[in-house]
N, C-alpha and C. Protein backbone atom coordinates (compact mmCIF):
# COMPACT_ATOMS: atom_id res chain seq x y z
N MET A 1 -28.88 77.09 -6.91
CA MET A 1 -29.87 76.35 -7.70
C MET A 1 -30.15 74.95 -6.85
N GLU A 2 -28.91 74.39 -6.40
CA GLU A 2 -29.01 73.12 -5.64
C GLU A 2 -30.03 73.39 -4.50
N LYS A 3 -29.80 74.38 -3.57
CA LYS A 3 -30.53 74.89 -2.47
C LYS A 3 -32.06 74.85 -2.84
N LEU A 4 -32.37 75.43 -3.90
CA LEU A 4 -33.80 75.90 -4.21
C LEU A 4 -34.36 74.22 -4.58
N THR A 5 -33.73 73.46 -5.44
CA THR A 5 -34.10 72.24 -5.68
C THR A 5 -34.36 71.40 -4.40
N SER A 6 -33.47 71.51 -3.37
CA SER A 6 -33.52 70.54 -2.28
C SER A 6 -34.67 71.08 -1.39
N VAL A 7 -34.88 72.32 -1.31
CA VAL A 7 -35.96 72.86 -0.46
C VAL A 7 -37.27 72.46 -1.15
N LEU A 8 -37.37 72.63 -2.40
CA LEU A 8 -38.72 72.20 -3.08
C LEU A 8 -38.95 70.90 -3.18
N SER A 9 -38.05 70.01 -3.06
CA SER A 9 -38.15 68.55 -3.11
C SER A 9 -38.45 68.11 -1.80
N ALA A 10 -37.92 68.76 -0.61
CA ALA A 10 -38.50 68.49 0.71
C ALA A 10 -39.82 68.93 1.04
N ILE A 11 -40.18 70.09 0.50
CA ILE A 11 -41.58 70.35 0.44
C ILE A 11 -42.55 69.38 -0.08
N ALA A 12 -42.06 68.98 -1.40
CA ALA A 12 -42.96 67.93 -2.11
C ALA A 12 -43.04 66.62 -1.23
N ARG A 13 -41.82 66.25 -0.68
CA ARG A 13 -41.84 65.02 0.10
C ARG A 13 -42.82 65.05 1.22
N ILE A 14 -42.72 66.18 1.68
CA ILE A 14 -43.44 66.37 2.99
C ILE A 14 -45.07 66.37 2.77
N ALA A 15 -45.32 67.21 1.71
CA ALA A 15 -46.65 67.19 1.30
C ALA A 15 -47.12 65.85 0.80
N THR A 16 -46.40 65.20 0.15
CA THR A 16 -46.69 63.71 -0.32
C THR A 16 -46.78 62.65 0.77
N GLY A 17 -45.95 62.96 1.90
CA GLY A 17 -46.05 62.18 3.12
C GLY A 17 -47.38 62.61 3.78
N ILE A 18 -47.78 63.77 3.92
CA ILE A 18 -49.02 64.15 4.61
C ILE A 18 -50.16 63.62 3.87
N ALA A 19 -50.22 63.67 2.57
CA ALA A 19 -51.42 63.08 1.83
C ALA A 19 -51.33 61.47 1.99
N PHE A 20 -50.22 60.82 2.13
CA PHE A 20 -50.19 59.52 2.29
C PHE A 20 -50.69 59.09 3.56
N GLY A 21 -50.38 59.90 4.82
CA GLY A 21 -50.92 59.83 6.07
C GLY A 21 -52.18 59.90 6.31
N VAL A 22 -52.92 60.94 5.34
CA VAL A 22 -54.44 61.05 5.51
C VAL A 22 -55.07 59.94 4.86
N ILE A 23 -54.43 59.45 3.76
CA ILE A 23 -55.06 58.05 3.11
C ILE A 23 -54.94 56.98 4.25
N ILE A 24 -53.93 56.84 4.98
CA ILE A 24 -53.86 55.76 5.90
C ILE A 24 -54.90 55.96 7.11
N VAL A 25 -54.87 56.99 7.54
CA VAL A 25 -56.07 57.32 8.52
C VAL A 25 -57.42 56.99 8.06
N ALA A 26 -57.66 57.58 6.91
CA ALA A 26 -59.06 57.46 6.45
C ALA A 26 -59.40 56.11 6.34
N VAL A 27 -58.49 55.28 5.72
CA VAL A 27 -58.64 53.90 5.32
C VAL A 27 -58.76 53.07 6.63
N VAL A 28 -57.97 53.27 7.72
CA VAL A 28 -58.17 52.64 8.95
C VAL A 28 -59.59 52.86 9.50
N LEU A 29 -59.80 54.20 9.52
CA LEU A 29 -61.19 54.58 10.08
C LEU A 29 -62.37 53.83 9.39
N GLN A 30 -62.25 53.89 7.96
CA GLN A 30 -63.14 53.12 7.32
C GLN A 30 -63.08 51.54 7.58
N LEU A 31 -62.02 51.00 7.59
CA LEU A 31 -62.22 49.48 8.05
C LEU A 31 -62.44 49.41 9.59
N ALA A 32 -62.20 50.17 10.42
CA ALA A 32 -62.77 50.14 11.83
C ALA A 32 -64.30 50.29 11.73
N GLY A 33 -64.81 51.29 11.03
CA GLY A 33 -66.18 51.39 10.79
C GLY A 33 -66.97 50.11 10.19
N ARG A 34 -66.40 49.55 9.36
CA ARG A 34 -67.04 48.41 8.85
C ARG A 34 -66.97 47.11 9.56
N SER A 35 -65.78 47.14 10.48
CA SER A 35 -65.82 45.97 11.39
C SER A 35 -66.57 46.27 12.79
N GLY A 36 -67.27 47.38 12.88
CA GLY A 36 -68.07 47.63 14.19
C GLY A 36 -67.29 48.10 15.20
N ILE A 37 -65.93 48.42 14.98
CA ILE A 37 -65.08 48.94 16.12
C ILE A 37 -65.45 50.54 16.48
N VAL A 38 -65.79 51.23 15.50
CA VAL A 38 -66.30 52.53 15.61
C VAL A 38 -67.49 52.75 14.71
N PRO A 39 -68.17 53.74 15.17
CA PRO A 39 -69.45 54.06 14.07
C PRO A 39 -68.82 54.34 12.69
N SER A 40 -69.50 53.78 11.79
CA SER A 40 -69.20 53.90 10.46
C SER A 40 -69.40 55.30 9.84
N VAL A 41 -68.56 56.02 9.14
CA VAL A 41 -68.53 57.31 8.78
C VAL A 41 -68.56 57.32 7.25
N VAL A 42 -69.30 58.21 6.60
CA VAL A 42 -69.45 58.03 5.13
C VAL A 42 -68.31 58.91 4.35
N TRP A 43 -67.61 59.96 5.24
CA TRP A 43 -66.80 60.77 4.57
C TRP A 43 -65.48 60.07 4.28
N THR A 44 -64.94 58.97 4.77
CA THR A 44 -63.71 58.43 4.43
C THR A 44 -63.33 58.01 3.13
N GLU A 45 -64.53 57.57 2.52
CA GLU A 45 -64.30 57.27 0.97
C GLU A 45 -63.93 58.45 0.14
N GLU A 46 -64.45 59.42 0.41
CA GLU A 46 -64.27 60.67 -0.30
C GLU A 46 -62.88 61.45 0.00
N LEU A 47 -62.58 61.33 1.49
CA LEU A 47 -61.36 61.95 1.84
C LEU A 47 -60.18 61.06 1.18
N THR A 48 -60.40 59.69 1.21
CA THR A 48 -59.49 58.90 0.41
C THR A 48 -59.01 59.40 -1.08
N ARG A 49 -60.08 59.53 -1.79
CA ARG A 49 -59.95 59.91 -3.06
C ARG A 49 -59.34 61.18 -3.12
N PHE A 50 -59.73 62.11 -2.28
CA PHE A 50 -59.25 63.51 -2.49
C PHE A 50 -57.73 63.52 -1.98
N ALA A 51 -57.28 62.79 -0.94
CA ALA A 51 -55.92 62.57 -0.56
C ALA A 51 -55.11 62.01 -1.61
N LEU A 52 -55.64 60.87 -2.29
CA LEU A 52 -54.79 60.46 -3.41
C LEU A 52 -54.62 61.27 -4.64
N LEU A 53 -55.43 62.23 -4.90
CA LEU A 53 -55.35 63.38 -5.99
C LEU A 53 -54.10 63.98 -5.59
N PHE A 54 -54.07 64.64 -4.19
CA PHE A 54 -52.88 65.40 -3.69
C PHE A 54 -51.58 64.71 -3.53
N LEU A 55 -51.79 63.24 -3.29
CA LEU A 55 -50.57 62.55 -3.27
C LEU A 55 -50.02 62.49 -4.64
N ALA A 56 -50.66 62.28 -5.81
CA ALA A 56 -50.27 62.27 -7.17
C ALA A 56 -49.76 63.63 -7.31
N ALA A 57 -50.25 64.70 -7.33
CA ALA A 57 -50.10 66.06 -7.58
C ALA A 57 -48.67 66.44 -6.89
N PHE A 58 -48.45 66.08 -5.68
CA PHE A 58 -47.26 66.57 -5.19
C PHE A 58 -45.97 65.63 -5.49
N GLY A 59 -46.38 64.45 -5.87
CA GLY A 59 -45.32 63.23 -6.03
C GLY A 59 -45.00 63.30 -7.43
N VAL A 60 -45.64 63.76 -8.56
CA VAL A 60 -45.34 63.76 -9.80
C VAL A 60 -44.14 64.65 -10.24
N GLY A 61 -43.67 65.68 -9.46
CA GLY A 61 -42.61 66.46 -9.53
C GLY A 61 -41.44 65.68 -9.24
N LEU A 62 -41.41 65.06 -8.10
CA LEU A 62 -40.46 64.21 -7.37
C LEU A 62 -40.35 62.95 -8.50
N ALA A 63 -41.16 62.40 -8.97
CA ALA A 63 -41.21 61.42 -10.08
C ALA A 63 -40.39 61.85 -11.16
N TYR A 64 -40.63 62.88 -11.47
CA TYR A 64 -39.93 63.55 -12.90
C TYR A 64 -38.51 63.69 -12.55
N ARG A 65 -38.31 64.28 -11.28
CA ARG A 65 -36.79 64.50 -10.89
C ARG A 65 -36.13 63.17 -10.75
N SER A 66 -36.52 62.17 -10.14
CA SER A 66 -35.89 61.00 -9.88
C SER A 66 -35.91 59.82 -11.18
N GLY A 67 -36.71 60.18 -12.10
CA GLY A 67 -36.84 59.46 -13.32
C GLY A 67 -37.76 58.25 -13.14
N ASN A 68 -38.83 58.51 -12.23
CA ASN A 68 -39.65 57.43 -11.98
C ASN A 68 -40.90 57.44 -12.82
N LEU A 69 -40.95 58.60 -13.70
CA LEU A 69 -42.08 58.65 -14.59
C LEU A 69 -41.81 57.69 -15.85
N VAL A 70 -42.70 57.44 -16.58
CA VAL A 70 -42.58 56.72 -17.89
C VAL A 70 -41.50 57.45 -18.68
N ASN A 71 -40.47 56.63 -19.00
CA ASN A 71 -39.32 57.13 -19.72
C ASN A 71 -38.86 56.09 -20.70
N VAL A 72 -38.14 56.57 -21.88
CA VAL A 72 -37.75 55.83 -22.86
C VAL A 72 -36.23 55.72 -22.93
N ASP A 73 -35.64 55.42 -21.60
CA ASP A 73 -34.16 55.39 -21.54
C ASP A 73 -33.39 54.80 -22.35
N ILE A 74 -34.03 53.49 -22.73
CA ILE A 74 -33.29 52.55 -23.56
C ILE A 74 -33.03 53.31 -25.07
N ILE A 75 -33.84 53.94 -25.45
CA ILE A 75 -33.50 54.43 -26.61
C ILE A 75 -32.69 55.86 -26.65
N SER A 76 -33.10 56.62 -25.64
CA SER A 76 -32.13 57.85 -25.46
C SER A 76 -30.65 57.69 -25.04
N GLU A 77 -30.51 56.71 -24.36
CA GLU A 77 -29.17 56.40 -23.70
C GLU A 77 -28.40 55.67 -24.78
N ALA A 78 -28.89 54.99 -25.65
CA ALA A 78 -28.29 54.42 -26.65
C ALA A 78 -27.63 55.36 -27.83
N LEU A 79 -28.10 56.66 -27.80
CA LEU A 79 -27.65 57.69 -28.70
C LEU A 79 -26.36 58.24 -28.18
N PRO A 80 -25.69 58.73 -29.23
CA PRO A 80 -24.25 59.52 -28.77
C PRO A 80 -24.68 60.50 -27.49
N ARG A 81 -23.74 60.80 -26.86
CA ARG A 81 -23.90 61.76 -25.55
C ARG A 81 -24.55 63.05 -25.98
N LYS A 82 -23.91 63.65 -26.91
CA LYS A 82 -24.54 65.12 -27.33
C LYS A 82 -26.04 64.98 -27.75
N VAL A 83 -26.32 64.09 -28.44
CA VAL A 83 -27.67 63.73 -28.99
C VAL A 83 -28.65 63.47 -27.85
N SER A 84 -28.24 62.47 -26.92
CA SER A 84 -28.96 62.18 -25.83
C SER A 84 -29.23 63.22 -25.03
N TRP A 85 -28.23 64.24 -24.81
CA TRP A 85 -28.65 65.37 -24.00
C TRP A 85 -29.37 66.33 -24.59
N ALA A 86 -29.36 66.54 -25.93
CA ALA A 86 -30.25 67.44 -26.60
C ALA A 86 -31.85 66.76 -26.58
N LEU A 87 -31.74 65.47 -26.69
CA LEU A 87 -33.19 64.98 -26.47
C LEU A 87 -33.67 65.12 -25.04
N ARG A 88 -32.84 64.97 -24.10
CA ARG A 88 -33.37 65.22 -22.70
C ARG A 88 -33.71 66.68 -22.44
N PHE A 89 -33.07 67.55 -23.19
CA PHE A 89 -33.11 69.00 -23.00
C PHE A 89 -34.57 69.27 -23.85
N VAL A 90 -34.69 68.83 -24.93
CA VAL A 90 -35.99 69.04 -25.76
C VAL A 90 -37.17 68.36 -24.89
N CYS A 91 -37.10 67.23 -24.50
CA CYS A 91 -38.14 66.81 -23.55
C CYS A 91 -38.46 67.59 -22.38
N ALA A 92 -37.48 68.18 -21.65
CA ALA A 92 -37.80 68.95 -20.51
C ALA A 92 -38.41 70.30 -20.96
N VAL A 93 -37.83 70.72 -22.12
CA VAL A 93 -38.74 72.03 -22.75
C VAL A 93 -40.03 71.73 -23.06
N ILE A 94 -40.44 70.57 -23.54
CA ILE A 94 -41.74 70.20 -23.92
C ILE A 94 -42.62 70.08 -22.53
N THR A 95 -42.02 69.34 -21.60
CA THR A 95 -42.79 69.04 -20.36
C THR A 95 -43.07 70.21 -19.65
N CYS A 96 -41.98 71.21 -19.58
CA CYS A 96 -42.23 72.37 -18.78
C CYS A 96 -43.18 73.40 -19.52
N GLY A 97 -43.11 73.43 -20.78
CA GLY A 97 -44.01 74.31 -21.66
C GLY A 97 -45.38 73.79 -21.64
N PHE A 98 -45.55 72.50 -21.79
CA PHE A 98 -46.89 71.87 -21.85
C PHE A 98 -47.67 72.25 -20.39
N GLY A 99 -46.89 72.17 -19.35
CA GLY A 99 -47.54 72.24 -18.16
C GLY A 99 -47.92 73.71 -17.93
N LEU A 100 -47.01 74.72 -18.45
CA LEU A 100 -47.30 76.17 -18.25
C LEU A 100 -48.41 76.47 -19.20
N VAL A 101 -48.53 75.86 -20.34
CA VAL A 101 -49.69 76.27 -21.32
C VAL A 101 -50.88 75.90 -20.67
N LEU A 102 -50.93 74.75 -20.16
CA LEU A 102 -52.32 74.46 -19.32
C LEU A 102 -52.77 75.09 -18.15
N VAL A 103 -51.85 75.83 -17.52
CA VAL A 103 -52.20 76.63 -16.38
C VAL A 103 -53.44 77.43 -16.30
N LYS A 104 -53.61 78.23 -17.33
CA LYS A 104 -54.68 79.00 -17.59
C LYS A 104 -56.09 78.28 -17.68
N SER A 105 -56.05 77.30 -18.38
CA SER A 105 -57.41 76.29 -18.46
C SER A 105 -57.55 75.56 -17.04
N THR A 106 -56.58 75.24 -16.42
CA THR A 106 -56.66 74.57 -15.25
C THR A 106 -57.12 75.64 -14.11
N TRP A 107 -56.61 76.85 -14.25
CA TRP A 107 -57.20 77.87 -13.16
C TRP A 107 -58.65 78.03 -13.38
N LEU A 108 -59.18 77.90 -14.65
CA LEU A 108 -60.70 78.08 -14.94
C LEU A 108 -61.39 77.00 -14.35
N TYR A 109 -60.64 75.59 -14.51
CA TYR A 109 -61.33 74.63 -13.84
C TYR A 109 -61.28 74.65 -12.37
N VAL A 110 -60.44 74.92 -11.82
CA VAL A 110 -60.39 75.29 -10.41
C VAL A 110 -61.41 76.28 -9.87
N SER A 111 -61.44 77.40 -10.73
CA SER A 111 -62.47 78.37 -10.19
C SER A 111 -63.85 77.93 -10.41
N ILE A 112 -64.25 77.01 -11.15
CA ILE A 112 -65.58 76.49 -11.40
C ILE A 112 -65.91 75.74 -10.03
N GLY A 113 -64.95 75.08 -9.48
CA GLY A 113 -65.14 74.24 -8.34
C GLY A 113 -65.62 75.17 -7.19
N ALA A 114 -65.49 76.41 -7.23
CA ALA A 114 -65.99 77.27 -6.05
C ALA A 114 -67.41 77.10 -5.95
N ARG A 115 -68.15 76.66 -7.05
CA ARG A 115 -69.60 76.86 -6.81
C ARG A 115 -70.14 75.26 -6.57
N GLN A 116 -69.12 74.47 -6.28
CA GLN A 116 -69.44 73.10 -5.82
C GLN A 116 -68.98 72.55 -4.58
N THR A 117 -69.50 71.75 -3.95
CA THR A 117 -69.15 71.27 -2.76
C THR A 117 -69.03 69.57 -2.86
N ALA A 118 -68.27 69.19 -2.03
CA ALA A 118 -68.19 67.67 -1.87
C ALA A 118 -69.36 67.29 -1.19
N PRO A 119 -70.08 66.09 -1.61
CA PRO A 119 -71.31 65.67 -1.04
C PRO A 119 -71.11 65.40 0.42
N SER A 120 -70.23 64.62 0.89
CA SER A 120 -70.18 64.08 2.30
C SER A 120 -69.09 64.94 3.19
N LEU A 121 -68.14 65.61 2.69
CA LEU A 121 -67.34 66.43 3.38
C LEU A 121 -67.70 67.76 3.49
N GLY A 122 -68.50 68.28 2.39
CA GLY A 122 -68.78 69.41 2.43
C GLY A 122 -67.79 70.64 2.09
N ILE A 123 -66.59 70.18 1.55
CA ILE A 123 -65.56 71.10 1.17
C ILE A 123 -65.80 71.61 -0.23
N ARG A 124 -65.48 72.92 -0.24
CA ARG A 124 -65.65 73.56 -1.80
C ARG A 124 -64.68 72.68 -2.71
N MET A 125 -65.19 72.42 -3.92
CA MET A 125 -64.49 71.53 -4.77
C MET A 125 -63.17 72.33 -5.44
N ASP A 126 -63.20 73.68 -5.38
CA ASP A 126 -62.02 74.33 -5.98
C ASP A 126 -60.68 73.82 -5.16
N TRP A 127 -60.85 73.67 -3.70
CA TRP A 127 -59.77 73.13 -3.03
C TRP A 127 -59.33 71.73 -3.68
N ILE A 128 -60.18 71.02 -4.02
CA ILE A 128 -59.94 69.71 -4.61
C ILE A 128 -59.30 69.65 -5.92
N HIS A 129 -60.14 70.50 -6.61
CA HIS A 129 -59.57 70.76 -8.16
C HIS A 129 -58.13 71.24 -8.25
N ALA A 130 -57.81 72.17 -7.13
CA ALA A 130 -56.44 72.64 -7.04
C ALA A 130 -55.35 71.54 -7.26
N SER A 131 -55.82 70.29 -6.97
CA SER A 131 -54.73 69.38 -7.06
C SER A 131 -54.23 69.16 -8.44
N VAL A 132 -55.01 69.41 -9.45
CA VAL A 132 -54.64 69.41 -10.86
C VAL A 132 -53.68 70.50 -11.10
N LEU A 133 -54.07 71.70 -10.56
CA LEU A 133 -53.05 72.85 -10.80
C LEU A 133 -51.61 72.55 -10.10
N VAL A 134 -51.64 72.13 -8.83
CA VAL A 134 -50.46 71.82 -8.24
C VAL A 134 -49.71 70.71 -9.01
N ALA A 135 -50.36 69.61 -9.58
CA ALA A 135 -49.64 68.70 -10.34
C ALA A 135 -48.87 69.33 -11.55
N LEU A 136 -49.66 70.20 -12.29
CA LEU A 136 -49.03 70.92 -13.40
C LEU A 136 -47.77 71.67 -12.97
N LEU A 137 -48.18 72.47 -11.99
CA LEU A 137 -47.05 73.48 -11.47
C LEU A 137 -45.83 72.62 -11.00
N SER A 138 -46.18 71.52 -10.24
CA SER A 138 -45.11 70.59 -9.62
C SER A 138 -44.29 70.15 -10.87
N LEU A 139 -44.95 69.64 -11.85
CA LEU A 139 -44.05 69.04 -12.87
C LEU A 139 -43.26 70.03 -13.73
N SER A 140 -43.99 71.20 -14.24
CA SER A 140 -43.34 72.36 -14.71
C SER A 140 -42.23 72.76 -14.05
N LEU A 141 -42.40 73.05 -12.70
CA LEU A 141 -41.25 73.51 -11.88
C LEU A 141 -40.02 72.71 -11.78
N PHE A 142 -40.03 71.19 -11.59
CA PHE A 142 -39.09 70.27 -11.58
C PHE A 142 -38.33 70.16 -13.19
N ALA A 143 -39.46 70.37 -14.03
CA ALA A 143 -38.64 70.27 -15.44
C ALA A 143 -37.97 71.52 -15.74
N GLY A 144 -38.48 72.63 -15.17
CA GLY A 144 -37.90 73.89 -15.33
C GLY A 144 -36.55 74.11 -14.68
N LEU A 145 -36.61 73.25 -13.51
CA LEU A 145 -35.16 73.22 -12.80
C LEU A 145 -34.25 72.35 -13.37
N ARG A 146 -34.66 71.30 -14.09
CA ARG A 146 -33.90 70.50 -14.87
C ARG A 146 -33.24 71.28 -16.07
N LEU A 147 -33.99 72.03 -16.77
CA LEU A 147 -33.76 72.96 -17.93
C LEU A 147 -32.38 73.93 -17.42
N ALA A 148 -32.78 74.61 -16.16
CA ALA A 148 -31.77 75.54 -15.72
C ALA A 148 -30.51 74.87 -15.38
N GLY A 149 -30.50 73.81 -14.91
CA GLY A 149 -29.48 72.97 -14.51
C GLY A 149 -28.53 72.52 -15.78
N MET A 150 -29.30 72.13 -16.80
CA MET A 150 -28.58 71.70 -17.96
C MET A 150 -27.93 72.83 -18.63
N LEU A 151 -28.66 73.99 -18.63
CA LEU A 151 -28.10 75.31 -19.32
C LEU A 151 -26.82 75.74 -18.45
N ALA A 152 -26.89 75.73 -17.27
CA ALA A 152 -26.03 76.13 -16.30
C ALA A 152 -24.72 75.14 -16.28
N GLY A 153 -25.02 73.93 -16.84
CA GLY A 153 -23.86 73.03 -16.83
C GLY A 153 -23.65 72.25 -15.42
N THR A 154 -24.67 72.49 -14.58
CA THR A 154 -24.56 71.50 -13.21
C THR A 154 -25.12 70.25 -13.28
N THR A 155 -25.97 69.91 -14.24
CA THR A 155 -26.45 68.58 -14.51
C THR A 155 -26.54 68.34 -16.10
N ASP A 156 -26.66 66.95 -16.33
CA ASP A 156 -26.55 66.45 -17.69
C ASP A 156 -28.05 66.15 -17.98
N GLY A 157 -29.01 66.44 -17.17
CA GLY A 157 -30.26 66.19 -17.44
C GLY A 157 -30.85 64.85 -17.15
N LEU A 158 -29.93 63.97 -16.74
CA LEU A 158 -30.27 62.64 -16.26
C LEU A 158 -31.03 62.67 -14.99
N PRO A 159 -31.89 61.85 -14.77
CA PRO A 159 -32.73 61.75 -13.41
C PRO A 159 -31.75 61.85 -12.07
N GLU A 160 -32.20 62.44 -11.33
CA GLU A 160 -31.18 62.84 -10.14
C GLU A 160 -31.69 61.74 -9.11
N ARG A 161 -31.03 60.78 -9.03
CA ARG A 161 -31.31 59.80 -7.80
C ARG A 161 -30.59 59.95 -6.68
N THR A 162 -31.29 59.95 -5.57
CA THR A 162 -30.45 60.06 -4.20
C THR A 162 -30.75 58.64 -3.53
N GLU A 163 -30.18 58.72 -2.38
CA GLU A 163 -30.17 57.52 -1.47
C GLU A 163 -31.69 57.29 -0.97
N GLU A 164 -32.27 58.44 -0.87
CA GLU A 164 -33.77 58.47 -0.21
C GLU A 164 -34.47 57.80 -1.41
N ASP A 165 -34.24 57.81 -2.74
CA ASP A 165 -35.18 57.18 -3.73
C ASP A 165 -34.99 55.81 -4.01
N PHE A 166 -34.27 55.19 -3.31
CA PHE A 166 -34.00 53.72 -3.30
C PHE A 166 -34.50 53.15 -2.01
């Protein structure tokens, strides 16, 4: 289980990094175009927005894993240890279940995008709408891994912070 979590975290980190790199390149091109260094291109604005969607989609699972999503630790950690564990477990069940319940509707949303294209990039929008599906699956997957770890006794459900998170 640790190996699976590590591999999935590495994939999510790489994908998040690639999305961030695309944003950097697009913004630099945008600034260079506005400064007259290179001819101005219209697609950089759109590319930046799309890359930001994927940055969030791949990063949300990592944020859940490391505890960087909005959380009410001050309340849950003030409770007795067993109650706190149960609360984290219930929250992980809700997070995982909510994400999985929304997959079918999200798939419909993604499939509608096949009939649309982005104005300046000309990309089919189902590729862009897929970022919502990726976000749901990423969040559900990391919540499911937390649940499995809690049931197996390998984790207490607290966010898993590593040296890389700081």
